[in-house]
N, C-alpha and C. Protein backbone atom coordinates (compact mmCIF):
# COMPACT_ATOMS: atom_id res chain seq x y z
N MET A 1 103.36 53.31 70.03
CA MET A 1 102.68 53.84 68.95
C MET A 1 102.89 53.80 67.60
N PRO A 2 103.58 52.64 66.83
CA PRO A 2 104.26 52.24 65.71
C PRO A 2 102.19 52.20 64.89
N GLY A 3 102.45 52.83 63.94
CA GLY A 3 101.39 52.21 63.21
C GLY A 3 101.26 53.51 62.06
N SER A 4 100.24 53.30 60.83
CA SER A 4 100.10 54.44 60.03
C SER A 4 99.09 55.20 60.68
N ARG A 5 99.11 56.54 60.01
CA ARG A 5 97.88 57.53 60.41
C ARG A 5 97.61 58.16 59.01
N VAL A 6 96.53 58.68 58.66
CA VAL A 6 96.28 59.54 57.79
C VAL A 6 95.40 60.55 58.28
N ILE A 7 96.11 62.21 58.31
CA ILE A 7 95.40 63.16 58.92
C ILE A 7 94.99 63.99 58.04
N THR A 8 93.98 64.77 57.88
CA THR A 8 93.46 66.43 57.24
C THR A 8 93.12 66.70 58.23
N TRP A 9 94.10 68.19 58.14
CA TRP A 9 93.67 69.69 58.64
C TRP A 9 93.06 70.43 58.08
N ASP A 10 92.04 71.06 58.19
CA ASP A 10 91.72 72.55 57.56
C ASP A 10 92.54 73.59 58.42
N VAL A 11 93.40 73.92 57.52
CA VAL A 11 94.19 75.07 57.41
C VAL A 11 94.09 76.37 57.50
N THR A 12 93.12 76.66 58.85
CA THR A 12 92.38 78.37 58.31
C THR A 12 93.77 79.37 58.69
N ALA A 13 94.66 79.19 58.78
CA ALA A 13 95.53 80.25 59.19
C ALA A 13 96.21 80.50 57.27
N SER A 14 95.78 79.24 56.14
CA SER A 14 96.49 79.42 54.71
C SER A 14 95.29 79.48 54.02
N GLY A 15 93.90 79.26 54.75
CA GLY A 15 92.68 79.17 53.79
C GLY A 15 92.49 77.96 53.21
N GLY A 16 93.45 76.98 53.27
CA GLY A 16 93.30 75.87 52.77
C GLY A 16 93.24 74.60 53.61
N TYR A 17 94.05 73.22 53.26
CA TYR A 17 93.98 72.20 53.97
C TYR A 17 95.27 71.53 53.63
N GLU A 18 95.53 70.18 54.34
CA GLU A 18 96.70 69.48 54.48
C GLU A 18 96.60 68.18 54.62
N THR A 19 96.58 66.76 54.35
CA THR A 19 96.87 65.74 54.77
C THR A 19 97.76 65.37 54.67
N ALA A 20 98.41 64.66 55.69
CA ALA A 20 99.54 64.01 56.05
C ALA A 20 99.32 62.31 56.13
N TRP A 21 99.92 61.36 55.13
CA TRP A 21 100.36 60.15 55.41
C TRP A 21 101.49 60.00 56.19
N ALA A 22 101.03 59.38 57.39
CA ALA A 22 102.44 59.25 58.66
C ALA A 22 102.49 57.65 59.02
N GLU A 23 104.04 57.12 59.09
CA GLU A 23 104.38 55.66 59.44
C GLU A 23 105.58 56.19 60.50
N PHE A 24 104.31 55.61 61.75
CA PHE A 24 105.36 56.23 63.06
C PHE A 24 105.78 54.74 63.21
N GLY A 25 107.40 54.42 63.99
CA GLY A 25 107.94 53.79 63.97
C GLY A 25 108.91 54.15 65.70
N ASP A 26 109.25 52.72 65.98
CA ASP A 26 109.95 52.65 67.64
C ASP A 26 110.94 54.09 67.21
N GLY A 27 110.07 55.30 67.63
CA GLY A 27 111.40 56.95 67.96
C GLY A 27 111.33 57.46 66.18
N THR A 28 110.56 56.73 65.79
CA THR A 28 110.64 57.29 64.39
C THR A 28 109.54 58.02 63.65
N LEU A 29 109.49 58.76 62.51
CA LEU A 29 108.46 58.84 61.70
C LEU A 29 108.73 59.22 59.87
N ARG A 30 108.02 58.43 59.33
CA ARG A 30 107.97 58.85 58.13
C ARG A 30 106.83 59.79 57.20
N ALA A 31 106.81 60.24 56.76
CA ALA A 31 105.14 61.12 56.37
C ALA A 31 105.70 61.46 55.24
N ARG A 32 104.54 61.54 54.44
CA ARG A 32 104.29 62.61 52.81
C ARG A 32 102.92 63.26 53.15
N GLY A 33 102.94 64.66 52.60
CA GLY A 33 101.98 65.35 52.68
C GLY A 33 101.54 66.27 51.37
N ARG A 34 100.13 66.60 51.45
CA ARG A 34 99.77 67.87 50.69
C ARG A 34 99.12 68.22 51.00
N ALA A 35 99.70 70.16 50.73
CA ALA A 35 98.70 71.27 51.04
C ALA A 35 98.44 72.12 50.28
N VAL A 36 96.89 72.41 50.02
CA VAL A 36 96.73 73.61 49.44
C VAL A 36 96.16 75.11 50.11
N GLY A 37 96.97 76.38 49.65
CA GLY A 37 95.97 77.55 50.49
C GLY A 37 95.92 78.47 49.67
N THR A 38 95.61 79.24 50.13
CA THR A 38 95.25 80.58 49.25
C THR A 38 96.10 81.84 49.66
N VAL A 39 96.74 81.95 51.34
CA VAL A 39 97.06 82.98 51.94
C VAL A 39 98.58 82.79 51.83
N PRO A 40 99.92 83.34 51.80
CA PRO A 40 99.53 84.74 51.29
C PRO A 40 99.25 84.62 49.57
N GLU A 41 99.24 83.68 49.04
CA GLU A 41 98.96 83.25 47.53
C GLU A 41 98.38 81.85 47.38
N PRO A 42 97.81 81.72 46.17
CA PRO A 42 97.31 80.38 46.11
C PRO A 42 98.38 79.70 45.72
N TYR A 43 98.80 78.23 46.29
CA TYR A 43 99.63 77.57 46.47
C TYR A 43 99.07 76.13 46.45
N TRP A 44 100.15 75.14 46.00
CA TRP A 44 100.53 73.73 46.55
C TRP A 44 101.50 73.34 46.80
N ILE A 45 101.53 72.82 48.14
CA ILE A 45 102.55 72.01 48.66
C ILE A 45 102.65 70.22 48.65
N THR A 46 103.87 70.01 47.91
CA THR A 46 104.23 68.67 48.40
C THR A 46 105.14 68.31 49.44
N TYR A 47 105.23 67.37 50.07
CA TYR A 47 106.19 67.07 51.29
C TYR A 47 106.47 65.92 51.32
N GLY A 48 107.68 65.64 52.32
CA GLY A 48 108.23 64.35 52.57
C GLY A 48 108.96 64.02 53.68
N LEU A 49 108.87 63.91 54.91
CA LEU A 49 109.98 63.75 55.80
C LEU A 49 109.77 62.89 56.32
N GLU A 50 111.69 62.52 56.85
CA GLU A 50 112.32 61.46 57.19
C GLU A 50 112.44 62.08 58.67
N THR A 51 112.51 61.06 59.57
CA THR A 51 113.25 61.30 61.10
C THR A 51 114.13 59.86 61.66
N ALA A 52 115.42 60.31 62.14
CA ALA A 52 115.83 59.42 63.15
C ALA A 52 115.17 58.50 64.10
N ASP A 53 115.93 58.15 64.76
CA ASP A 53 115.56 58.05 66.35
C ASP A 53 115.53 59.19 67.25
N GLY A 54 114.67 58.91 68.01
CA GLY A 54 114.35 60.12 69.02
C GLY A 54 113.28 61.64 68.17
N TYR A 55 113.15 60.82 66.71
CA TYR A 55 112.32 61.93 65.95
C TYR A 55 113.05 63.31 65.36
N VAL A 56 114.63 62.79 65.63
CA VAL A 56 115.33 64.12 65.00
C VAL A 56 115.07 63.81 63.50
N THR A 57 114.64 65.21 62.88
CA THR A 57 115.17 65.77 61.66
C THR A 57 115.86 64.94 60.72
N ARG A 58 115.59 63.84 59.74
CA ARG A 58 116.97 63.44 58.92
C ARG A 58 116.78 64.18 57.47
N ARG A 59 115.65 64.40 57.16
CA ARG A 59 115.37 64.84 55.79
C ARG A 59 113.80 65.52 55.32
N LEU A 60 114.07 66.51 54.92
CA LEU A 60 112.61 67.19 54.73
C LEU A 60 112.78 67.87 52.89
N THR A 61 111.79 67.04 52.33
CA THR A 61 111.61 67.06 50.80
C THR A 61 110.80 68.50 50.46
N VAL A 62 110.67 69.27 49.52
CA VAL A 62 109.07 69.89 49.62
C VAL A 62 109.21 70.72 48.33
N THR A 63 107.97 70.71 48.04
CA THR A 63 107.93 71.09 46.37
C THR A 63 106.42 72.39 46.39
N ALA A 64 106.51 73.61 46.12
CA ALA A 64 105.34 74.20 46.58
C ALA A 64 105.47 74.94 44.51
N GLU A 65 104.16 74.94 44.57
CA GLU A 65 103.64 75.31 42.87
C GLU A 65 102.77 76.77 43.31
N HIS A 66 103.25 78.31 42.73
CA HIS A 66 102.69 78.88 43.19
C HIS A 66 102.64 79.98 41.62
N ALA A 67 101.64 81.12 41.69
CA ALA A 67 101.32 81.68 40.20
C ALA A 67 102.99 82.16 39.67
N SER A 68 104.31 81.71 40.44
CA SER A 68 105.35 82.74 39.58
C SER A 68 105.96 81.58 39.35
N GLY A 69 105.87 80.39 39.57
CA GLY A 69 106.71 79.30 39.22
C GLY A 69 106.37 78.19 40.64
N THR A 70 107.76 77.26 40.16
CA THR A 70 107.55 75.91 41.06
C THR A 70 109.10 76.09 41.74
N ARG A 71 109.11 75.91 43.09
CA ARG A 71 110.32 76.02 44.09
C ARG A 71 110.60 74.62 44.36
N THR A 72 111.85 73.94 44.64
CA THR A 72 112.14 72.67 45.36
C THR A 72 112.96 72.48 46.76
N LEU A 73 113.18 72.30 47.43
CA LEU A 73 114.01 72.27 49.05
C LEU A 73 113.48 70.93 49.05
N GLU A 74 115.10 70.72 49.30
CA GLU A 74 115.59 69.20 50.20
C GLU A 74 116.73 69.84 51.19
N LEU A 75 115.85 70.04 52.59
CA LEU A 75 116.56 70.28 53.67
C LEU A 75 117.23 68.75 54.04
N LEU A 76 118.34 69.02 54.66
CA LEU A 76 118.81 67.17 55.17
C LEU A 76 120.04 68.15 56.52
N HIS A 77 119.70 66.97 57.58
CA HIS A 77 120.46 67.26 58.79
C HIS A 77 121.75 66.13 59.19
N ASP A 78 122.71 66.40 59.33
CA ASP A 78 123.46 65.40 59.69
C ASP A 78 123.65 65.03 60.42
N GLY A 79 122.57 64.87 61.69
CA GLY A 79 122.89 64.30 62.48
C GLY A 79 123.34 64.87 63.83
N ARG A 80 124.00 65.47 63.78
CA ARG A 80 125.03 66.71 64.83
C ARG A 80 124.46 68.04 64.56
N GLY A 81 123.61 67.95 64.34
CA GLY A 81 123.18 69.54 64.59
C GLY A 81 123.89 70.56 63.09
N GLY A 82 124.09 70.32 62.04
CA GLY A 82 124.44 70.78 60.93
C GLY A 82 123.15 70.60 59.78
N TRP A 83 123.03 71.39 59.09
CA TRP A 83 121.87 71.30 57.72
C TRP A 83 122.57 71.99 56.78
N THR A 84 122.21 71.34 55.46
CA THR A 84 122.17 71.51 54.30
C THR A 84 120.95 71.97 53.44
N ALA A 85 120.34 73.08 52.65
CA ALA A 85 119.19 73.51 51.75
C ALA A 85 120.10 73.58 50.29
N ASN A 86 119.56 72.40 49.76
CA ASN A 86 119.46 71.77 48.30
C ASN A 86 121.32 72.22 48.13
N GLY A 87 121.49 71.25 49.39
CA GLY A 87 123.56 70.72 49.11
C GLY A 87 124.14 72.10 49.20
N GLU A 88 123.52 73.31 49.84
CA GLU A 88 124.08 74.30 50.62
C GLU A 88 124.45 74.22 51.96
N ARG A 89 125.33 74.51 52.98
CA ARG A 89 125.25 74.48 53.97
C ARG A 89 124.31 75.64 54.81
N ALA A 90 123.69 75.41 55.30
CA ALA A 90 122.41 76.21 55.82
C ALA A 90 122.99 76.60 57.14
N PRO A 91 123.62 77.73 57.31
CA PRO A 91 124.14 78.11 59.23
C PRO A 91 122.96 78.32 60.17
N GLY A 92 122.22 78.97 59.57
CA GLY A 92 121.28 79.79 60.82
C GLY A 92 120.67 78.73 61.82
N PRO A 93 120.23 77.64 61.20
CA PRO A 93 119.58 76.64 62.21
C PRO A 93 120.92 75.95 62.74
N THR A 94 121.72 76.19 62.31
CA THR A 94 122.95 75.17 63.11
C THR A 94 122.52 74.70 64.60
N GLY A 95 122.49 73.46 64.54
CA GLY A 95 122.54 72.95 66.23
C GLY A 95 120.56 72.68 66.81
N ALA A 96 120.23 72.64 65.40
CA ALA A 96 118.74 72.55 65.55
C ALA A 96 118.27 70.92 65.44
N LEU A 97 117.05 70.46 65.70
CA LEU A 97 117.42 68.85 66.08
C LEU A 97 116.33 68.49 64.74
N ASP A 98 114.76 69.80 64.59
CA ASP A 98 113.69 69.47 64.09
C ASP A 98 113.69 70.42 62.83
N CYS A 99 112.87 70.52 61.77
CA CYS A 99 112.43 71.29 61.04
C CYS A 99 110.64 71.96 61.37
N ASP A 100 110.57 72.83 60.92
CA ASP A 100 109.15 73.08 61.47
C ASP A 100 108.73 73.96 59.92
N LEU A 101 107.71 73.04 59.15
CA LEU A 101 107.20 73.60 57.50
C LEU A 101 106.21 74.36 58.09
N GLY A 102 106.28 75.69 57.36
CA GLY A 102 105.24 76.70 57.99
C GLY A 102 103.95 75.96 57.69
N LEU A 103 102.97 76.24 58.44
CA LEU A 103 101.68 75.97 58.32
C LEU A 103 101.12 74.85 58.21
N CYS A 104 102.39 73.88 58.82
CA CYS A 104 102.25 72.67 58.60
C CYS A 104 101.88 71.85 59.93
N PRO A 105 100.99 71.62 60.78
CA PRO A 105 100.71 71.05 61.63
C PRO A 105 101.83 69.91 61.95
N LEU A 106 101.95 68.86 61.42
CA LEU A 106 102.67 67.65 61.44
C LEU A 106 103.92 67.61 62.11
N THR A 107 104.39 68.71 61.87
CA THR A 107 106.21 69.13 62.13
C THR A 107 105.68 69.75 63.89
N ASN A 108 105.14 69.88 64.33
CA ASN A 108 104.96 70.31 65.82
C ASN A 108 105.19 68.74 66.40
N THR A 109 104.64 67.94 66.05
CA THR A 109 104.41 66.31 66.55
C THR A 109 106.39 66.19 67.09
N MET A 110 107.49 66.01 66.20
CA MET A 110 108.60 65.75 66.42
C MET A 110 109.07 65.48 67.95
N PRO A 111 109.07 67.27 68.43
CA PRO A 111 109.83 67.52 69.62
C PRO A 111 109.19 67.68 70.64
N VAL A 112 107.55 67.60 70.78
CA VAL A 112 106.87 66.60 71.28
C VAL A 112 106.14 65.44 71.97
N LEU A 113 106.73 64.63 70.85
CA LEU A 113 107.04 63.28 70.96
C LEU A 113 108.38 62.88 71.43
N ARG A 114 109.17 63.29 71.18
CA ARG A 114 110.67 63.17 71.76
C ARG A 114 110.85 63.58 73.58
N HIS A 115 109.92 64.42 73.89
CA HIS A 115 110.17 64.99 74.82
C HIS A 115 108.55 64.44 75.70
N GLN A 116 107.86 63.83 75.35
CA GLN A 116 106.66 63.41 75.87
C GLN A 116 105.37 65.04 76.35
N LEU A 117 106.15 65.80 75.96
CA LEU A 117 104.92 67.03 76.55
C LEU A 117 103.69 66.95 76.25
N HIS A 118 102.99 65.69 75.54
CA HIS A 118 101.36 65.84 75.42
C HIS A 118 100.81 65.31 77.03
N GLN A 119 102.18 64.10 77.04
CA GLN A 119 101.90 63.41 78.30
C GLN A 119 102.50 63.69 80.20
N ARG A 120 103.06 64.48 79.98
CA ARG A 120 104.02 64.77 80.74
C ARG A 120 104.46 66.18 81.29
N PRO A 121 104.62 66.73 82.26
CA PRO A 121 105.08 68.32 82.70
C PRO A 121 106.42 67.84 81.88
N GLY A 122 106.80 69.67 81.77
CA GLY A 122 107.92 70.01 81.48
C GLY A 122 107.76 71.37 80.29
N ASP A 123 108.76 71.98 80.11
CA ASP A 123 109.31 73.13 79.40
C ASP A 123 110.23 73.10 78.92
N ARG A 124 110.57 73.04 77.31
CA ARG A 124 111.55 72.89 76.78
C ARG A 124 111.32 74.28 75.45
N GLU A 125 112.98 74.29 75.28
CA GLU A 125 112.73 75.74 74.41
C GLU A 125 113.49 74.35 73.09
N PHE A 126 113.52 75.08 72.09
CA PHE A 126 114.26 74.41 71.07
C PHE A 126 114.56 75.63 69.52
N LEU A 127 115.61 75.31 68.95
CA LEU A 127 115.99 75.91 67.69
C LEU A 127 115.42 75.24 66.93
N MET A 128 114.83 75.64 65.98
CA MET A 128 114.00 74.81 64.43
C MET A 128 114.56 75.67 63.07
N ALA A 129 114.82 74.60 62.41
CA ALA A 129 115.21 74.89 60.77
C ALA A 129 113.18 75.16 60.32
N TRP A 130 113.15 76.45 60.36
CA TRP A 130 112.01 76.73 60.10
C TRP A 130 111.71 77.09 58.25
N VAL A 131 110.90 76.15 57.75
CA VAL A 131 110.32 76.75 56.33
C VAL A 131 109.21 77.82 55.78
N SER A 132 109.63 78.81 55.58
CA SER A 132 108.54 79.45 55.11
C SER A 132 107.78 78.55 53.83
N VAL A 133 106.31 79.06 54.04
CA VAL A 133 105.48 78.45 52.97
C VAL A 133 104.86 79.68 52.49
N PRO A 134 105.27 80.27 50.85
CA PRO A 134 104.96 79.12 49.90
C PRO A 134 106.73 79.37 49.08
N ASP A 135 107.53 80.54 50.17
CA ASP A 135 109.20 80.63 49.40
C ASP A 135 110.17 79.42 49.37
N LEU A 136 109.71 78.83 50.44
CA LEU A 136 110.51 77.27 51.22
C LEU A 136 111.96 77.76 51.37
N GLU A 137 111.60 79.65 51.65
CA GLU A 137 113.05 80.25 53.16
C GLU A 137 113.64 79.56 54.47
N VAL A 138 114.92 79.01 54.57
CA VAL A 138 114.98 78.41 55.70
C VAL A 138 115.24 79.44 56.82
N ARG A 139 115.16 79.36 57.66
CA ARG A 139 115.37 80.13 58.81
C ARG A 139 115.45 79.81 60.32
N PRO A 140 116.26 80.16 61.16
CA PRO A 140 116.19 79.38 62.44
C PRO A 140 114.98 80.29 63.33
N SER A 141 114.48 79.40 64.14
CA SER A 141 113.61 79.93 64.99
C SER A 141 113.41 79.40 66.12
N ARG A 142 113.29 80.18 66.94
CA ARG A 142 113.25 80.06 68.20
C ARG A 142 111.86 79.49 68.90
N GLN A 143 111.64 78.31 69.78
CA GLN A 143 110.30 77.90 69.67
C GLN A 143 110.29 77.59 71.49
N THR A 144 108.99 77.77 71.84
CA THR A 144 109.13 76.95 73.30
C THR A 144 107.60 75.86 73.33
N TYR A 145 107.94 74.85 74.01
CA TYR A 145 106.77 74.00 73.96
C TYR A 145 106.46 73.56 75.32
N THR A 146 105.59 73.97 76.09
CA THR A 146 105.29 73.77 77.56
C THR A 146 103.93 73.10 78.14
N HIS A 147 103.93 71.56 78.86
CA HIS A 147 103.15 70.62 79.18
C HIS A 147 102.33 71.94 79.69
N LEU A 148 100.43 71.78 79.22
CA LEU A 148 99.93 72.41 80.34
C LEU A 148 98.93 71.43 80.97
N GLY A 149 99.05 70.12 80.29
CA GLY A 149 97.98 69.42 81.31
C GLY A 149 97.62 68.10 79.88
N PRO A 150 97.00 67.17 80.37
CA PRO A 150 97.17 65.75 79.16
C PRO A 150 96.61 65.90 78.00
N GLY A 151 97.44 65.70 76.94
CA GLY A 151 96.92 66.53 75.45
C GLY A 151 97.00 67.87 75.15
N ARG A 152 97.40 68.63 76.10
CA ARG A 152 97.42 70.35 75.71
C ARG A 152 99.20 70.75 76.12
N VAL A 153 99.33 71.23 75.32
CA VAL A 153 100.76 71.88 75.29
C VAL A 153 100.60 73.69 74.85
N ARG A 154 101.39 74.52 74.97
CA ARG A 154 101.36 75.89 74.70
C ARG A 154 103.06 75.74 73.75
N TYR A 155 102.33 76.54 72.99
CA TYR A 155 103.39 76.75 71.54
C TYR A 155 103.64 78.38 71.76
N THR A 156 104.76 78.50 71.60
CA THR A 156 105.69 80.46 71.82
C THR A 156 106.45 80.00 70.90
N SER A 157 106.51 80.91 70.16
CA SER A 157 107.74 81.83 69.40
C SER A 157 107.50 83.13 69.01
N GLY A 158 108.48 83.97 69.80
CA GLY A 158 108.75 85.44 69.72
C GLY A 158 107.44 85.65 70.01
N ASP A 159 106.32 86.79 69.62
CA ASP A 159 105.25 87.43 70.41
C ASP A 159 103.53 86.24 69.76
N PHE A 160 104.19 85.34 69.75
CA PHE A 160 103.38 84.23 69.12
C PHE A 160 103.02 83.21 70.13
N SER A 161 101.82 82.81 70.51
CA SER A 161 101.56 81.84 71.00
C SER A 161 100.19 81.25 71.07
N SER A 162 100.11 79.99 71.62
CA SER A 162 99.02 79.11 71.34
C SER A 162 98.78 78.06 71.93
N ASP A 163 97.60 77.60 72.39
CA ASP A 163 97.61 76.40 73.26
C ASP A 163 96.97 75.29 72.05
N LEU A 164 97.52 74.21 72.02
CA LEU A 164 97.42 73.07 71.11
C LEU A 164 97.20 71.67 71.84
N GLU A 165 96.19 71.56 71.21
CA GLU A 165 95.70 69.67 71.70
C GLU A 165 96.10 68.88 70.77
N PHE A 166 96.51 68.04 71.57
CA PHE A 166 97.13 66.72 71.06
C PHE A 166 96.58 65.54 71.33
N ASP A 167 96.56 64.56 69.84
CA ASP A 167 95.85 63.23 70.74
C ASP A 167 96.73 62.49 71.64
N GLU A 168 96.45 61.50 71.62
CA GLU A 168 97.61 60.31 72.92
C GLU A 168 98.80 59.85 72.37
N ASP A 169 98.72 60.02 70.63
CA ASP A 169 99.71 59.64 70.37
C ASP A 169 100.47 60.85 69.47
N GLY A 170 100.04 62.02 70.01
CA GLY A 170 101.48 63.48 69.75
C GLY A 170 100.76 63.95 68.75
N CYS A 171 99.85 63.87 67.99
CA CYS A 171 99.37 64.42 66.19
C CYS A 171 98.63 65.40 67.09
N VAL A 172 98.97 66.22 66.32
CA VAL A 172 97.88 67.67 66.38
C VAL A 172 96.48 67.58 65.90
N VAL A 173 95.77 67.97 66.63
CA VAL A 173 94.16 67.68 67.27
C VAL A 173 93.70 69.18 66.68
N ASP A 174 94.05 70.07 67.80
CA ASP A 174 93.64 71.51 67.46
C ASP A 174 94.79 72.75 67.56
N TYR A 175 95.02 73.61 66.54
CA TYR A 175 95.96 74.65 66.65
C TYR A 175 95.41 75.80 66.43
N PRO A 176 94.77 76.18 67.73
CA PRO A 176 94.21 77.98 67.29
C PRO A 176 94.55 78.61 66.50
N ARG A 177 93.97 79.28 65.61
CA ARG A 177 94.72 80.37 64.19
C ARG A 177 95.22 79.89 63.48
N LEU A 178 95.53 78.06 63.87
CA LEU A 178 96.46 78.08 62.30
C LEU A 178 95.66 76.65 61.77
N ALA A 179 94.83 75.58 62.43
CA ALA A 179 94.36 74.23 62.16
C ALA A 179 93.44 73.72 62.91
N ARG A 180 92.79 73.06 62.35
CA ARG A 180 92.12 71.71 63.16
C ARG A 180 92.07 70.64 62.57
N ARG A 181 92.29 69.54 62.99
CA ARG A 181 91.77 68.50 62.01
C ARG A 181 90.27 68.05 61.99
N LEU A 182 90.46 67.18 61.02
CA LEU A 182 88.68 66.85 60.37
C LEU A 182 88.73 65.56 60.27
N THR A 183 89.90 64.61 60.30
CA THR A 183 89.79 63.11 59.79
C THR A 183 90.13 62.77 61.54
N ALA A 184 89.61 61.36 62.12
CA ALA A 184 90.51 60.85 63.26
C ALA A 184 91.07 59.91 62.58
N ARG A 185 92.33 59.40 63.98
CA ARG A 185 93.31 58.99 63.55
C ARG A 185 93.21 57.73 62.62
């Protein structure tokens, strides 16, 4: 599936939009994106994402601008489950392979592609390095992805559950209560 994608989502959960420019390699992803939202307050987000082989997060950089100022985050994964946030050890998500940027449908792609959950039966639980928006706090998040059928995966975290639709390349088309893709691949 190597190639480029430009994807725009209507992010209903934030009252805004997101566009991602993604480059898929053989088991890798590099992306940059921009989002604007109005919930919980008006904000702008810019991000860059790099994965290593197997779609394992290597680096996430995020800048958030909102009424109280600008925040930045550089989240680095050491390839063995250790994380740093702006150069400081982030012990909460130790053991996680992936980041999950809040309100960002693109970051649901990595675990789904790694395990082909949009194409094959399976049920996987993950620990994620979850980044809240717009404050950019890093927290551990347990998430489960369950294959429901071709292109359909149930996402569960805590008491939240949603049945996501993915295209054949593993990119989110519809994430009920969060976002819906506006552009074709």
